[in-house]
Amino acid sequence: MSPKPILGYEHKKDKGVYTNYVLQFNKGGGLPKNKYQEPSEAVGFPKKDLSDALTLGTGGNAIVGYVNIKDNKHSVRCFKNKKGWDIAIHEPNDKDNKAEDVNIYITSDWDVNPKTKWHFLGRYDVEGIKDNLIHVDLGKIKLGRWIKVEGAKELLEPTGHWAGFELSATFIKYPCMLNSN
């Protein structure tokens, strides 16, 4: 049984999508060697528990997007910049978790490779944010295709089962229409 939406705005017709595809996951530091990571935990609806989200580890990252055809990265759908926030990143709110900083990047490139140009959107912290939902504006970037969520390296590197940011969901508020760029 899949988790139910918990944030509210996702019920509005044609008002955005949750990412449904993990293009890449790079495990960060501080995690136990036997900590199994399931990248698919980073997509879909927001999760309520840390154990249902993808723990990035310190400096780890996940690249997510919305694809039209299941498991086909070539069908990645773009998203646009409009007034206000454009994407939202979620980490479960849990008493056992410490709020970690996270860096957010986007690219408008179709393919992600070592030459991909990433645009840094900022460093964020979920501490004190309602529902642990980080709202991110694309700034001057007009169009994106992939979102990179990176556990920010801190001076004090956390270690243990929940080291680094736990990526639960990414919401794209303004996806491009199916037949547009």
C-alpha atoms as a PDB file:
ATOM      1  CA  MET A   1       0.000   0.000   0.000  1.00  0.00           C
ATOM      2  CA  SER A   2       1.499   3.353  -1.018  1.00  0.00           C
ATOM      3  CA  PRO A   3       1.690   6.252   1.435  1.00  0.00           C
ATOM      4  CA  LYS A   4      -0.996   8.915   1.225  1.00  0.00           C
ATOM      5  CA  PRO A   5      -0.234  12.579   0.485  1.00  0.00           C
ATOM      6  CA  ILE A   6       0.235  14.584   3.666  1.00  0.00           C
ATOM      7  CA  LEU A   7       0.817  18.170   2.601  1.00  0.00           C
ATOM      8  CA  GLY A   8      -2.451  19.215   0.973  1.00  0.00           C
ATOM      9  CA  TYR A   9      -1.525  21.094  -2.199  1.00  0.00           C
ATOM     10  CA  GLU A  10      -0.968  17.894  -4.155  1.00  0.00           C
ATOM     11  CA  HIS A  11      -4.736  17.329  -4.336  1.00  0.00           C
ATOM     12  CA  LYS A  12      -5.249  20.267  -6.692  1.00  0.00           C
ATOM     13  CA  LYS A  13      -5.623  19.091 -10.276  1.00  0.00           C
ATOM     14  CA  ASP A  14      -2.716  19.976 -12.570  1.00  0.00           C
ATOM     15  CA  LYS A  15      -0.933  21.872  -9.801  1.00  0.00           C
ATOM     16  CA  GLY A  16       2.310  19.976  -9.805  1.00  0.00           C
ATOM     17  CA  VAL A  17       3.861  16.535  -9.471  1.00  0.00           C
ATOM     18  CA  TYR A  18       6.084  14.609  -7.098  1.00  0.00           C
ATOM     19  CA  THR A  19       9.313  13.341  -8.590  1.00  0.00           C
ATOM     20  CA  ASN A  20       9.024   9.691  -9.537  1.00  0.00           C
ATOM     21  CA  TYR A  21      12.522   8.779 -10.698  1.00  0.00           C
ATOM     22  CA  VAL A  22      15.963   8.693  -9.082  1.00  0.00           C
ATOM     23  CA  LEU A  23      18.555   9.171 -11.787  1.00  0.00           C
ATOM     24  CA  GLN A  24      21.522   8.820  -9.468  1.00  0.00           C
ATOM     25  CA  PHE A  25      22.347   8.301  -5.783  1.00  0.00           C
ATOM     26  CA  ASN A  26      25.778   8.893  -4.265  1.00  0.00           C
ATOM     27  CA  LYS A  27      25.995   7.779  -0.641  1.00  0.00           C
ATOM     28  CA  GLY A  28      27.683  10.265   1.663  1.00  0.00           C
ATOM     29  CA  GLY A  29      29.830   9.819   4.739  1.00  0.00           C
ATOM     30  CA  GLY A  30      28.909   9.034   8.303  1.00  0.00           C
ATOM     31  CA  LEU A  31      26.565   6.107   7.616  1.00  0.00           C
ATOM     32  CA  PRO A  32      27.162   2.630   9.049  1.00  0.00           C
ATOM     33  CA  LYS A  33      28.715   0.287   6.485  1.00  0.00           C
ATOM     34  CA  ASN A  34      25.730  -2.073   6.704  1.00  0.00           C
ATOM     35  CA  LYS A  35      23.112   0.696   6.189  1.00  0.00           C
ATOM     36  CA  TYR A  36      21.084  -0.394   3.163  1.00  0.00           C
ATOM     37  CA  GLN A  37      19.940   2.472   0.964  1.00  0.00           C
ATOM     38  CA  GLU A  38      16.932   2.185  -1.358  1.00  0.00           C
ATOM     39  CA  PRO A  39      17.055   5.199  -3.711  1.00  0.00           C
ATOM     40  CA  SER A  40      13.335   4.875  -4.538  1.00  0.00           C
ATOM     41  CA  GLU A  41      12.604   6.094  -0.980  1.00  0.00           C
ATOM     42  CA  ALA A  42      13.532   9.601  -2.214  1.00  0.00           C
ATOM     43  CA  VAL A  43      10.576   9.886  -4.618  1.00  0.00           C
ATOM     44  CA  GLY A  44       6.808   9.783  -4.422  1.00  0.00           C
ATOM     45  CA  PHE A  45       4.668  11.263  -1.663  1.00  0.00           C
ATOM     46  CA  PRO A  46       6.256  12.656   1.531  1.00  0.00           C
ATOM     47  CA  LYS A  47       6.956  10.013   4.145  1.00  0.00           C
ATOM     48  CA  LYS A  48       6.127  10.357   7.836  1.00  0.00           C
ATOM     49  CA  ASP A  49       9.034   8.285   9.198  1.00  0.00           C
ATOM     50  CA  LEU A  50      12.790   8.617   8.756  1.00  0.00           C
ATOM     51  CA  SER A  51      13.034   4.903   8.018  1.00  0.00           C
ATOM     52  CA  ASP A  52      10.912   5.415   4.886  1.00  0.00           C
ATOM     53  CA  ALA A  53      13.136   8.187   3.447  1.00  0.00           C
ATOM     54  CA  LEU A  54      16.540   8.045   1.728  1.00  0.00           C
ATOM     55  CA  THR A  55      19.373   8.970   4.097  1.00  0.00           C
ATOM     56  CA  LEU A  56      21.944  10.846   2.012  1.00  0.00           C
ATOM     57  CA  GLY A  57      24.811  10.811   4.480  1.00  0.00           C
ATOM     58  CA  THR A  58      27.064  13.832   4.896  1.00  0.00           C
ATOM     59  CA  GLY A  59      27.919  15.112   1.425  1.00  0.00           C
ATOM     60  CA  GLY A  60      25.812  12.450  -0.315  1.00  0.00           C
ATOM     61  CA  ASN A  61      23.326  13.379  -3.011  1.00  0.00           C
ATOM     62  CA  ALA A  62      20.368  12.181  -5.015  1.00  0.00           C
ATOM     63  CA  ILE A  63      19.370  13.422  -8.458  1.00  0.00           C
ATOM     64  CA  VAL A  64      15.609  13.216  -8.999  1.00  0.00           C
ATOM     65  CA  GLY A  65      13.140  14.139 -11.706  1.00  0.00           C
ATOM     66  CA  TYR A  66       9.715  13.385 -13.079  1.00  0.00           C
ATOM     67  CA  VAL A  67       9.618  10.957 -16.029  1.00  0.00           C
ATOM     68  CA  ASN A  68       6.615  10.356 -18.260  1.00  0.00           C
ATOM     69  CA  ILE A  69       7.540   6.756 -19.029  1.00  0.00           C
ATOM     70  CA  LYS A  70       8.363   4.527 -16.049  1.00  0.00           C
ATOM     71  CA  ASP A  71      12.116   4.035 -15.533  1.00  0.00           C
ATOM     72  CA  ASN A  72      12.953   5.927 -18.753  1.00  0.00           C
ATOM     73  CA  LYS A  73      15.319   8.826 -18.023  1.00  0.00           C
ATOM     74  CA  HIS A  74      14.943  10.053 -21.607  1.00  0.00           C
ATOM     75  CA  SER A  75      11.307  10.949 -20.912  1.00  0.00           C
ATOM     76  CA  VAL A  76      12.236  13.415 -18.139  1.00  0.00           C
ATOM     77  CA  ARG A  77       9.739  16.245 -17.954  1.00  0.00           C
ATOM     78  CA  CYS A  78      10.958  19.803 -17.533  1.00  0.00           C
ATOM     79  CA  PHE A  79       9.694  22.298 -14.971  1.00  0.00           C
ATOM     80  CA  LYS A  80       9.365  26.072 -15.109  1.00  0.00           C
ATOM     81  CA  ASN A  81      10.134  29.064 -12.986  1.00  0.00           C
ATOM     82  CA  LYS A  82       7.122  31.148 -12.042  1.00  0.00           C
ATOM     83  CA  LYS A  83       6.314  33.610  -9.283  1.00  0.00           C
ATOM     84  CA  GLY A  84       7.023  32.313  -5.770  1.00  0.00           C
ATOM     85  CA  TRP A  85       8.523  28.940  -4.920  1.00  0.00           C
ATOM     86  CA  ASP A  86       8.937  26.364  -7.683  1.00  0.00           C
ATOM     87  CA  ILE A  87      10.055  23.149  -5.980  1.00  0.00           C
ATOM     88  CA  ALA A  88       9.667  21.804  -2.447  1.00  0.00           C
ATOM     89  CA  ILE A  89      11.978  19.357  -0.684  1.00  0.00           C
ATOM     90  CA  HIS A  90      10.705  17.256   2.239  1.00  0.00           C
ATOM     91  CA  GLU A  91      12.454  15.585   5.173  1.00  0.00           C
ATOM     92  CA  PRO A  92      10.352  13.676   7.742  1.00  0.00           C
ATOM     93  CA  ASN A  93       9.909  15.411  11.089  1.00  0.00           C
ATOM     94  CA  ASP A  94      11.118  13.045  13.792  1.00  0.00           C
ATOM     95  CA  LYS A  95      12.279  13.584  17.383  1.00  0.00           C
ATOM     96  CA  ASP A  96      15.275  11.282  16.764  1.00  0.00           C
ATOM     97  CA  ASN A  97      16.552  13.374  13.866  1.00  0.00           C
ATOM     98  CA  LYS A  98      18.819  16.397  13.952  1.00  0.00           C
ATOM     99  CA  ALA A  99      18.148  19.049  11.352  1.00  0.00           C
ATOM    100  CA  GLU A 100      20.871  18.947   8.714  1.00  0.00           C
ATOM    101  CA  ASP A 101      21.607  21.511   6.054  1.00  0.00           C
ATOM    102  CA  VAL A 102      20.981  20.605   2.446  1.00  0.00           C
ATOM    103  CA  ASN A 103      22.221  22.129  -0.823  1.00  0.00           C
ATOM    104  CA  ILE A 104      19.802  22.302  -3.754  1.00  0.00           C
ATOM    105  CA  TYR A 105      20.889  22.393  -7.411  1.00  0.00           C
ATOM    106  CA  ILE A 106      19.070  22.095 -10.739  1.00  0.00           C
ATOM    107  CA  THR A 107      20.104  21.551 -14.319  1.00  0.00           C
ATOM    108  CA  SER A 108      18.235  22.109 -17.553  1.00  0.00           C
ATOM    109  CA  ASP A 109      20.395  19.509 -19.324  1.00  0.00           C
ATOM    110  CA  TRP A 110      18.677  16.389 -20.633  1.00  0.00           C
ATOM    111  CA  ASP A 111      21.597  14.132 -19.813  1.00  0.00           C
ATOM    112  CA  VAL A 112      23.554  14.211 -16.569  1.00  0.00           C
ATOM    113  CA  ASN A 113      27.274  13.586 -17.003  1.00  0.00           C
ATOM    114  CA  PRO A 114      30.547  15.081 -15.739  1.00  0.00           C
ATOM    115  CA  LYS A 115      30.035  18.131 -18.031  1.00  0.00           C
ATOM    116  CA  THR A 116      26.527  18.890 -16.728  1.00  0.00           C
ATOM    117  CA  LYS A 117      26.091  22.500 -15.632  1.00  0.00           C
ATOM    118  CA  TRP A 118      24.443  22.605 -12.201  1.00  0.00           C
ATOM    119  CA  HIS A 119      22.881  25.807 -10.870  1.00  0.00           C
ATOM    120  CA  PHE A 120      23.190  26.241  -7.104  1.00  0.00           C
ATOM    121  CA  LEU A 121      19.854  27.418  -5.658  1.00  0.00           C
ATOM    122  CA  GLY A 122      20.960  27.652  -2.045  1.00  0.00           C
ATOM    123  CA  ARG A 123      21.707  25.969   1.249  1.00  0.00           C
ATOM    124  CA  TYR A 124      18.689  25.246   3.425  1.00  0.00           C
ATOM    125  CA  ASP A 125      17.864  23.890   6.858  1.00  0.00           C
ATOM    126  CA  VAL A 126      14.505  22.351   7.819  1.00  0.00           C
ATOM    127  CA  GLU A 127      14.792  23.441  11.451  1.00  0.00           C
ATOM    128  CA  GLY A 128      11.781  25.591  12.318  1.00  0.00           C
ATOM    129  CA  ILE A 129      10.134  25.087   8.907  1.00  0.00           C
ATOM    130  CA  LYS A 130       6.487  24.017   8.968  1.00  0.00           C
ATOM    131  CA  ASP A 131       6.058  20.353   8.000  1.00  0.00           C
ATOM    132  CA  ASN A 132       9.833  20.135   7.307  1.00  0.00           C
ATOM    133  CA  LEU A 133       9.081  21.317   3.793  1.00  0.00           C
ATOM    134  CA  ILE A 134      11.726  23.520   2.153  1.00  0.00           C
ATOM    135  CA  HIS A 135      10.305  25.823  -0.527  1.00  0.00           C
ATOM    136  CA  VAL A 136      12.857  26.707  -3.208  1.00  0.00           C
ATOM    137  CA  ASP A 137      12.633  29.395  -5.893  1.00  0.00           C
ATOM    138  CA  LEU A 138      14.513  28.843  -9.154  1.00  0.00           C
ATOM    139  CA  GLY A 139      15.767  32.437  -9.082  1.00  0.00           C
ATOM    140  CA  LYS A 140      16.897  33.514 -12.560  1.00  0.00           C
ATOM    141  CA  ILE A 141      16.841  29.992 -13.987  1.00  0.00           C
ATOM    142  CA  LYS A 142      13.888  29.684 -16.381  1.00  0.00           C
ATOM    143  CA  LEU A 143      13.724  25.909 -16.859  1.00  0.00           C
ATOM    144  CA  GLY A 144      14.975  22.770 -15.128  1.00  0.00           C
ATOM    145  CA  ARG A 145      14.869  19.019 -15.718  1.00  0.00           C
ATOM    146  CA  TRP A 146      16.803  17.411 -12.852  1.00  0.00           C
ATOM    147  CA  ILE A 147      17.076  18.350  -9.181  1.00  0.00           C
ATOM    148  CA  LYS A 148      20.115  17.464  -7.097  1.00  0.00           C
ATOM    149  CA  VAL A 149      19.598  17.334  -3.328  1.00  0.00           C
ATOM    150  CA  GLU A 150      22.917  17.189  -1.509  1.00  0.00           C
ATOM    151  CA  GLY A 151      23.621  16.698   2.178  1.00  0.00           C
ATOM    152  CA  ALA A 152      25.706  19.777   3.074  1.00  0.00           C
ATOM    153  CA  LYS A 153      29.016  19.018   4.695  1.00  0.00           C
ATOM    154  CA  GLU A 154      29.046  20.525   8.167  1.00  0.00           C
ATOM    155  CA  LEU A 155      31.959  21.337  10.452  1.00  0.00           C
ATOM    156  CA  LEU A 156      30.735  18.588  12.771  1.00  0.00           C
ATOM    157  CA  GLU A 157      30.017  15.594  10.566  1.00  0.00           C
ATOM    158  CA  PRO A 158      27.146  13.550  12.021  1.00  0.00           C
ATOM    159  CA  THR A 159      27.487   9.794  12.103  1.00  0.00           C
ATOM    160  CA  GLY A 160      25.049   6.969  12.654  1.00  0.00           C
ATOM    161  CA  HIS A 161      21.912   5.509  11.141  1.00  0.00           C
ATOM    162  CA  TRP A 162      20.436   8.910  10.169  1.00  0.00           C
ATOM    163  CA  ALA A 163      23.609  10.794   9.159  1.00  0.00           C
ATOM    164  CA  GLY A 164      22.851  13.567   6.724  1.00  0.00           C
ATOM    165  CA  PHE A 165      19.603  14.766   5.211  1.00  0.00           C
ATOM    166  CA  GLU A 166      16.728  12.268   4.791  1.00  0.00           C
ATOM    167  CA  LEU A 167      15.120  12.953   1.414  1.00  0.00           C
ATOM    168  CA  SER A 168      11.476  11.953   1.548  1.00  0.00           C
ATOM    169  CA  ALA A 169       9.954  13.714  -1.468  1.00  0.00           C
ATOM    170  CA  THR A 170      10.449  16.492  -4.001  1.00  0.00           C
ATOM    171  CA  PHE A 171       7.459  18.388  -5.350  1.00  0.00           C
ATOM    172  CA  ILE A 172       7.607  20.206  -8.698  1.00  0.00           C
ATOM    173  CA  LYS A 173       5.012  22.974  -8.697  1.00  0.00           C
ATOM    174  CA  TYR A 174       5.116  23.944 -12.383  1.00  0.00           C
ATOM    175  CA  PRO A 175       5.891  20.948 -14.640  1.00  0.00           C
ATOM    176  CA  CYS A 176       6.010  21.606 -18.380  1.00  0.00           C
ATOM    177  CA  MET A 177       3.139  20.329 -20.443  1.00  0.00           C
ATOM    178  CA  LEU A 178       3.727  16.875 -21.925  1.00  0.00           C
ATOM    179  CA  ASN A 179       4.524  18.105 -25.448  1.00  0.00           C
ATOM    180  CA  SER A 180       6.594  21.179 -24.570  1.00  0.00           C
ATOM    181  CA  ASN A 181      10.239  21.797 -23.719  1.00  0.00           C
END
